[in-house]
């Protein structure tokens, strides 16, 4: 009886915590770099006024050749911010074969792409303003501009002034990045640890409206969910069969994360969740919680989704940033100075 009572209190506490988090979604506690208090929209106005124009030009040029560039750079930005904050540590190569593995060598990051675009931007920015603009700021701007390109306007504002970190560890990436098989409580706990809340979780998950995944990443869910050659019963059967047919041909094949809309940044992802067509278990988990499911329904309104996504991206982009004299401004994004 005591165990049952404790469990009940735990669930009650968790529910109250979520309600408090939702109620404070627009509240920013200005306690230094954790919430980006030192970041400014016009940070480079005097030191490198052309920086944002360079980022935008390079991104838009490359986006013309790669329709998934927005998805690639947005994912890279996420993976950077969730480990040590938005400090560009995801971009670092190991200094030698004897070094401890860096973040990009961690299993969740092995499929990241788009580093060549960041390097191209950095080269041009360094020519214009040597050792002035951080790689962390370049990545934050590039992710925004790649998503914004089809809209012809900035989809969210990016305050600047981040500094580059000197530490990058694969072990920290594994410990801090949510996996595709995460359940709802695991996802929420990981977001709360980063000072993000339930609304941020559901809104930022909407990034899965663009991009693709490899069949091998979703193999267990579709082909061997309980170890008996079965499929996750929460998936729409028609959708499950189409994915299985495609992936049965070759495990290296890719699958759209947002069927019929993977090239467009829109709110179609949330329509898929309602129809039980979320590709990952982490996607499907968003409709297993009452409060989260209400947000999924709210984001059926595109305007509501875009507005909240912008707020959550600004919030995520300010997590644990290095500012002032912290860190460094790298000359090359993949190397410490």
Protein backbone atom coordinates (compact mmCIF):
# COMPACT_ATOMS: atom_id res chain seq x y z
CA UNK A 1 0.00 0.00 0.00
CA UNK A 2 2.86 2.38 0.82
CA UNK A 3 4.43 1.77 -2.58
CA UNK A 4 1.15 2.50 -4.36
CA UNK A 5 0.69 5.71 -2.35
CA UNK A 6 4.23 6.87 -3.17
CA UNK A 7 3.66 6.18 -6.85
CA UNK A 8 0.45 8.17 -6.77
CA UNK A 9 2.21 11.13 -5.15
CA UNK A 10 4.98 10.92 -7.73
CA UNK A 11 2.52 11.11 -10.64
CA UNK A 12 0.68 13.97 -8.95
CA UNK A 13 3.96 15.84 -8.48
CA UNK A 14 4.96 15.22 -12.10
CA UNK A 15 1.61 16.53 -13.33
CA UNK A 16 1.87 19.64 -11.17
CA UNK A 17 5.42 20.19 -12.40
CA UNK A 18 4.27 20.08 -16.02
CA UNK A 19 1.43 22.52 -15.28
CA UNK A 20 3.89 24.94 -13.65
CA UNK A 21 6.24 24.59 -16.61
CA UNK A 22 3.46 25.38 -19.06
CA UNK A 23 2.43 28.40 -17.03
CA UNK A 24 5.96 29.77 -17.13
CA UNK A 25 6.64 29.11 -20.80
CA UNK A 26 7.05 32.79 -21.62
CA UNK A 27 9.06 33.60 -18.50
CA UNK A 28 12.83 34.03 -18.78
CA UNK A 29 14.94 34.03 -15.66
CA UNK A 30 17.88 36.32 -16.32
CA UNK A 31 20.58 34.63 -14.30
CA UNK A 32 23.52 35.12 -16.62
CA UNK A 33 24.59 33.01 -19.57
CA UNK A 34 22.20 30.14 -18.79
CA UNK A 35 19.34 32.07 -20.38
CA UNK A 36 21.46 34.13 -22.75
CA UNK A 37 21.24 37.39 -20.81
CA UNK A 38 24.46 38.61 -22.48
CA UNK A 39 23.30 37.84 -26.04
CA UNK A 40 22.24 40.75 -28.26
CA UNK A 41 20.55 40.97 -31.65
CA UNK A 42 23.07 43.57 -32.89
CA UNK A 43 26.14 42.10 -31.22
CA UNK A 44 28.30 42.37 -34.37
CA UNK A 45 26.85 45.65 -35.59
CA UNK A 46 30.18 47.48 -35.22
CA UNK A 47 32.73 44.67 -35.26
CA UNK A 48 31.43 42.67 -38.25
CA UNK A 49 28.25 44.22 -39.71
CA UNK A 50 28.38 41.97 -42.78
CA UNK A 51 28.44 38.72 -40.80
CA UNK A 52 24.73 37.91 -41.04
CA UNK A 53 24.63 38.76 -44.74
CA UNK A 54 27.51 36.36 -45.40
CA UNK A 55 25.82 33.54 -43.48
CA UNK A 56 22.54 34.10 -45.30
CA UNK A 57 24.17 34.22 -48.76
CA UNK A 58 26.18 31.02 -48.28
CA UNK A 59 23.24 29.15 -46.79
CA UNK A 60 20.82 30.17 -49.54
CA UNK A 61 23.38 29.27 -52.21
CA UNK A 62 23.82 25.78 -50.77
CA UNK A 63 20.10 25.32 -50.10
CA UNK A 64 19.56 25.60 -53.84
CA UNK A 65 21.46 22.33 -54.25
CA UNK A 66 20.26 20.55 -51.11
CA UNK A 67 16.56 20.75 -50.21
CA UNK A 68 17.30 19.07 -46.86
CA UNK A 69 19.92 21.61 -45.76
CA UNK A 70 17.50 23.18 -43.27
CA UNK A 71 16.92 19.83 -41.61
CA UNK A 72 20.65 19.08 -41.50
CA UNK A 73 21.70 22.38 -39.94
CA UNK A 74 18.76 22.50 -37.54
CA UNK A 75 19.64 19.04 -36.28
CA UNK A 76 23.30 20.01 -35.89
CA UNK A 77 22.28 23.08 -33.89
CA UNK A 78 20.06 20.94 -31.61
CA UNK A 79 22.84 18.44 -31.04
CA UNK A 80 25.26 21.23 -30.22
CA UNK A 81 23.01 22.99 -27.72
CA UNK A 82 21.95 19.89 -25.80
CA UNK A 83 25.58 19.12 -24.91
CA UNK A 84 27.40 21.82 -22.91
CA UNK A 85 25.07 24.44 -24.35
CA UNK A 86 25.30 26.24 -27.69
CA UNK A 87 29.09 26.54 -27.86
CA UNK A 88 30.00 25.00 -31.22
CA UNK A 89 31.54 21.94 -29.53
CA UNK A 90 29.75 19.65 -32.02
CA UNK A 91 32.00 21.07 -34.75
CA UNK A 92 35.34 20.06 -33.20
CA UNK A 93 37.51 17.31 -34.67
CA UNK A 94 39.79 15.28 -32.36
CA UNK A 95 43.29 16.73 -32.20
CA UNK A 96 44.95 13.33 -32.65
CA UNK A 97 44.15 9.64 -32.81
CA UNK A 98 45.08 9.34 -29.14
CA UNK A 99 42.58 12.01 -28.02
CA UNK A 100 39.38 11.09 -26.22
CA UNK A 101 36.52 10.92 -28.71
CA UNK A 102 34.74 14.20 -29.43
CA UNK A 103 31.00 14.81 -29.73
CA UNK A 104 30.74 14.26 -33.46
CA UNK A 105 32.21 10.75 -32.98
CA UNK A 106 29.36 9.75 -30.65
CA UNK A 107 26.83 7.35 -32.18
CA UNK A 108 23.93 9.87 -32.20
CA UNK A 109 26.08 12.30 -34.21
CA UNK A 110 27.60 9.96 -36.80
CA UNK A 111 24.87 10.79 -39.31
CA UNK A 112 25.17 14.58 -38.96
CA UNK A 113 25.84 16.40 -42.22
CA UNK A 114 26.35 20.01 -43.27
CA UNK A 115 29.75 20.67 -41.72
CA UNK A 116 31.10 21.76 -45.11
CA UNK A 117 28.56 24.59 -45.22
CA UNK A 118 29.60 25.84 -41.76
CA UNK A 119 33.26 25.70 -42.84
CA UNK A 120 32.46 27.67 -46.00
CA UNK A 121 30.68 30.35 -43.98
CA UNK A 122 33.53 30.54 -41.46
CA UNK A 123 36.11 30.98 -44.23
CA UNK A 124 34.24 33.91 -45.71
CA UNK A 125 33.51 35.50 -42.33
CA UNK A 126 37.17 35.20 -41.31
CA UNK A 127 38.22 36.97 -44.51
CA UNK A 128 35.85 39.84 -43.68
CA UNK A 129 36.36 39.99 -39.90
CA UNK A 130 39.26 37.88 -38.59
CA UNK A 131 38.60 36.07 -35.29
CA UNK A 132 35.49 38.09 -34.49
CA UNK A 133 32.45 35.88 -35.11
CA UNK A 134 32.14 32.61 -33.20
CA UNK A 135 31.37 29.28 -34.81
CA UNK A 136 28.56 28.86 -32.27
CA UNK A 137 26.89 32.03 -33.58
CA UNK A 138 27.46 30.96 -37.19
CA UNK A 139 25.75 27.62 -36.54
CA UNK A 140 22.78 29.30 -34.83
CA UNK A 141 22.36 31.74 -37.72
CA UNK A 142 22.85 29.10 -40.41
CA UNK A 143 20.17 26.83 -38.91
CA UNK A 144 17.71 29.74 -38.84
CA UNK A 145 18.54 30.91 -42.36
CA UNK A 146 18.32 27.44 -43.90
CA UNK A 147 14.82 26.91 -42.50
CA UNK A 148 13.81 30.49 -43.36
CA UNK A 149 15.04 30.49 -46.97
CA UNK A 150 11.82 29.16 -48.57
CA UNK A 151 9.73 31.69 -46.63
CA UNK A 152 11.71 34.76 -47.71
CA UNK A 153 11.79 36.04 -44.13
CA UNK A 154 13.44 35.25 -40.81
CA UNK A 155 11.37 32.63 -38.99
CA UNK A 156 12.91 33.51 -35.61
CA UNK A 157 15.39 36.01 -34.21
CA UNK A 158 18.88 34.92 -33.17
CA UNK A 159 20.53 36.99 -30.43
CA UNK A 160 24.32 36.80 -30.80
CA UNK A 161 27.47 36.92 -28.72
CA UNK A 162 28.16 33.22 -28.06
CA UNK A 163 31.75 32.12 -27.62
CA UNK A 164 33.21 28.80 -28.75
CA UNK A 165 33.86 26.03 -26.25
CA UNK A 166 37.16 24.19 -25.97
CA UNK A 167 35.76 20.91 -24.61
CA UNK A 168 34.00 18.26 -26.69
CA UNK A 169 33.37 14.74 -25.36
CA UNK A 170 31.51 11.89 -27.04
CA UNK A 171 30.48 10.56 -23.62
CA UNK A 172 28.58 13.78 -22.88
CA UNK A 173 26.75 13.62 -26.20
CA UNK A 174 25.54 10.10 -25.46
CA UNK A 175 24.36 11.16 -22.00
CA UNK A 176 22.53 14.32 -23.09
CA UNK A 177 20.94 13.68 -26.48
CA UNK A 178 17.42 12.21 -26.58
CA UNK A 179 17.15 9.06 -28.67
CA UNK A 180 14.55 8.13 -31.28
CA UNK A 181 13.30 5.40 -28.92
CA UNK A 182 12.83 7.69 -25.89
CA UNK A 183 9.46 7.55 -24.14
CA UNK A 184 7.59 10.65 -23.01
CA UNK A 185 8.91 10.82 -19.44
CA UNK A 186 12.51 10.41 -20.63
CA UNK A 187 12.09 13.21 -23.16
CA UNK A 188 10.47 15.58 -20.69
CA UNK A 189 13.12 14.89 -18.05
CA UNK A 190 15.91 15.61 -20.52
CA UNK A 191 14.28 18.89 -21.57
CA UNK A 192 13.60 19.98 -17.99
CA UNK A 193 17.28 19.36 -17.17
CA UNK A 194 18.09 21.90 -19.90
CA UNK A 195 15.65 24.49 -18.48
CA UNK A 196 13.19 23.76 -21.29
CA UNK A 197 9.58 22.77 -20.64
CA UNK A 198 6.72 20.72 -22.05
CA UNK A 199 5.73 23.36 -24.60
CA UNK A 200 9.34 23.57 -25.78
CA UNK A 201 9.48 19.78 -26.09
CA UNK A 202 6.38 19.55 -28.27
CA UNK A 203 7.25 22.63 -30.34
CA UNK A 204 10.89 21.70 -30.96
CA UNK A 205 9.87 18.14 -31.86
CA UNK A 206 8.14 19.81 -34.80
CA UNK A 207 11.56 20.09 -36.43
CA UNK A 208 10.86 16.52 -37.59
CA UNK A 209 8.57 18.05 -40.19
CA UNK A 210 11.66 18.25 -42.42
CA UNK A 211 14.29 15.67 -43.26
CA UNK A 212 14.73 11.93 -43.50
CA UNK A 213 15.94 9.01 -41.39
CA UNK A 214 17.72 5.80 -42.33
CA UNK A 215 15.72 2.59 -42.18
CA UNK A 216 18.19 1.02 -39.77
CA UNK A 217 17.31 3.69 -37.20
CA UNK A 218 13.67 2.61 -37.07
CA UNK A 219 14.19 -1.09 -37.78
CA UNK A 220 13.34 -2.38 -34.30
CA UNK A 221 10.09 -0.39 -34.07
CA UNK A 222 8.79 -1.65 -37.40
CA UNK A 223 10.30 -5.15 -37.63
CA UNK A 224 11.06 -6.46 -34.14
CA UNK A 225 9.36 -4.28 -31.56
CA UNK A 226 9.13 -6.85 -28.72
CA UNK A 227 11.75 -9.25 -30.08
CA UNK A 228 9.15 -11.43 -31.80
CA UNK A 229 9.34 -10.02 -35.33
CA UNK A 230 6.40 -7.70 -34.66
CA UNK A 231 5.58 -4.03 -35.26
CA UNK A 232 4.78 -1.38 -32.66
CA UNK A 233 0.96 -1.64 -32.41
CA UNK A 234 0.64 2.12 -31.89
CA UNK A 235 1.56 2.75 -35.54
CA UNK A 236 -1.16 3.10 -38.17
CA UNK A 237 -1.12 -0.31 -39.96
CA UNK A 238 -1.22 1.14 -43.49
CA UNK A 239 1.68 3.49 -42.72
CA UNK A 240 3.61 0.66 -41.05
CA UNK A 241 3.27 -1.58 -44.11
CA UNK A 242 4.46 1.15 -46.48
CA UNK A 243 7.56 1.82 -44.35
CA UNK A 244 8.30 -1.89 -44.00
CA UNK A 245 7.97 -2.47 -47.72
CA UNK A 246 10.39 0.36 -48.43
CA UNK A 247 12.93 -0.66 -45.81
CA UNK A 248 12.77 -4.37 -46.64
CA UNK A 249 14.42 -3.60 -49.96
CA UNK A 250 17.53 -2.11 -48.34
CA UNK A 251 18.22 -1.19 -44.71
CA UNK A 252 20.30 1.73 -46.02
CA UNK A 253 17.23 3.30 -47.60
CA UNK A 254 15.90 6.56 -46.20
CA UNK A 255 12.40 7.31 -44.94
CA UNK A 256 10.68 10.68 -44.79
CA UNK A 257 10.23 11.84 -41.20
CA UNK A 258 7.10 13.70 -42.27
CA UNK A 259 5.39 11.64 -45.00
CA UNK A 260 4.24 13.74 -47.96
CA UNK A 261 5.78 16.90 -46.49
CA UNK A 262 9.43 16.24 -45.64
CA UNK A 263 10.73 19.07 -47.85
CA UNK A 264 8.52 21.73 -46.26
CA UNK A 265 8.85 23.31 -42.84
CA UNK A 266 5.21 23.28 -41.76
CA UNK A 267 2.93 21.83 -39.08
CA UNK A 268 2.12 18.65 -41.01
CA UNK A 269 4.18 16.68 -38.47
CA UNK A 270 1.44 17.17 -35.87
CA UNK A 271 -1.23 15.92 -38.25
CA UNK A 272 0.85 12.74 -38.63
CA UNK A 273 0.95 12.27 -34.86
CA UNK A 274 -2.83 12.42 -34.67
CA UNK A 275 -3.01 9.85 -37.48
CA UNK A 276 -0.51 7.59 -35.64
CA UNK A 277 2.15 8.15 -38.29
CA UNK A 278 5.00 9.45 -36.17
CA UNK A 279 8.18 7.78 -37.46
CA UNK A 280 10.05 7.50 -34.16
CA UNK A 281 8.87 6.23 -30.80
CA UNK A 282 9.82 9.64 -29.41
CA UNK A 283 7.39 11.24 -31.89
CA UNK A 284 4.56 8.87 -31.03
CA UNK A 285 5.15 9.42 -27.31
CA UNK A 286 3.90 13.01 -27.59
CA UNK A 287 0.30 11.79 -27.80
CA UNK A 288 0.63 9.37 -24.86
CA UNK A 289 0.43 12.19 -22.31
CA UNK A 290 -2.78 14.21 -21.90
CA UNK A 291 -1.15 17.65 -21.67
CA UNK A 292 1.30 16.93 -24.46
CA UNK A 293 -1.51 15.64 -26.69
CA UNK A 294 -3.39 18.92 -26.14
CA UNK A 295 -0.36 20.79 -27.45
CA UNK A 296 -0.18 18.49 -30.47
CA UNK A 297 -3.79 19.47 -31.17
CA UNK A 298 -3.02 23.16 -30.63
CA UNK A 299 -0.23 23.01 -33.20
CA UNK A 300 -2.68 21.80 -35.84
CA UNK A 301 -2.92 25.58 -36.24
CA UNK A 302 0.15 26.54 -38.29
CA UNK A 303 0.27 30.04 -36.85
CA UNK A 304 0.35 28.71 -33.30
CA UNK A 305 3.16 26.30 -34.20
CA UNK A 306 5.34 28.87 -35.97
CA UNK A 307 4.94 31.38 -33.13
CA UNK A 308 5.86 28.86 -30.43
CA UNK A 309 8.68 27.30 -32.45
CA UNK A 310 10.28 30.75 -32.75
CA UNK A 311 10.06 31.27 -28.96
CA UNK A 312 11.42 27.82 -28.19
CA UNK A 313 14.30 28.15 -30.67
CA UNK A 314 15.36 31.45 -29.12
CA UNK A 315 15.19 29.82 -25.68
CA UNK A 316 17.13 26.73 -26.74
CA UNK A 317 19.73 28.85 -28.56
CA UNK A 318 20.53 30.65 -25.31
CA UNK A 319 21.13 27.52 -23.21
CA UNK A 320 24.36 27.55 -21.20
CA UNK A 321 26.11 29.85 -23.68
CA UNK A 322 29.66 31.08 -23.17
CA UNK A 323 29.96 34.86 -23.33
CA UNK A 324 32.38 37.69 -22.52
CA UNK A 325 35.85 36.27 -21.92
CA UNK A 326 34.70 32.65 -21.68
CA UNK A 327 35.81 30.15 -24.30
CA UNK A 328 37.37 31.48 -27.50
CA UNK A 329 36.63 32.64 -31.04
CA UNK A 330 37.99 29.86 -33.23
CA UNK A 331 39.86 30.58 -36.44
CA UNK A 332 38.54 27.31 -37.87
CA UNK A 333 35.35 25.75 -36.61
CA UNK A 334 36.72 22.21 -36.49
CA UNK A 335 39.88 23.12 -34.57
CA UNK A 336 40.65 24.69 -31.22
CA UNK A 337 42.96 27.70 -31.50
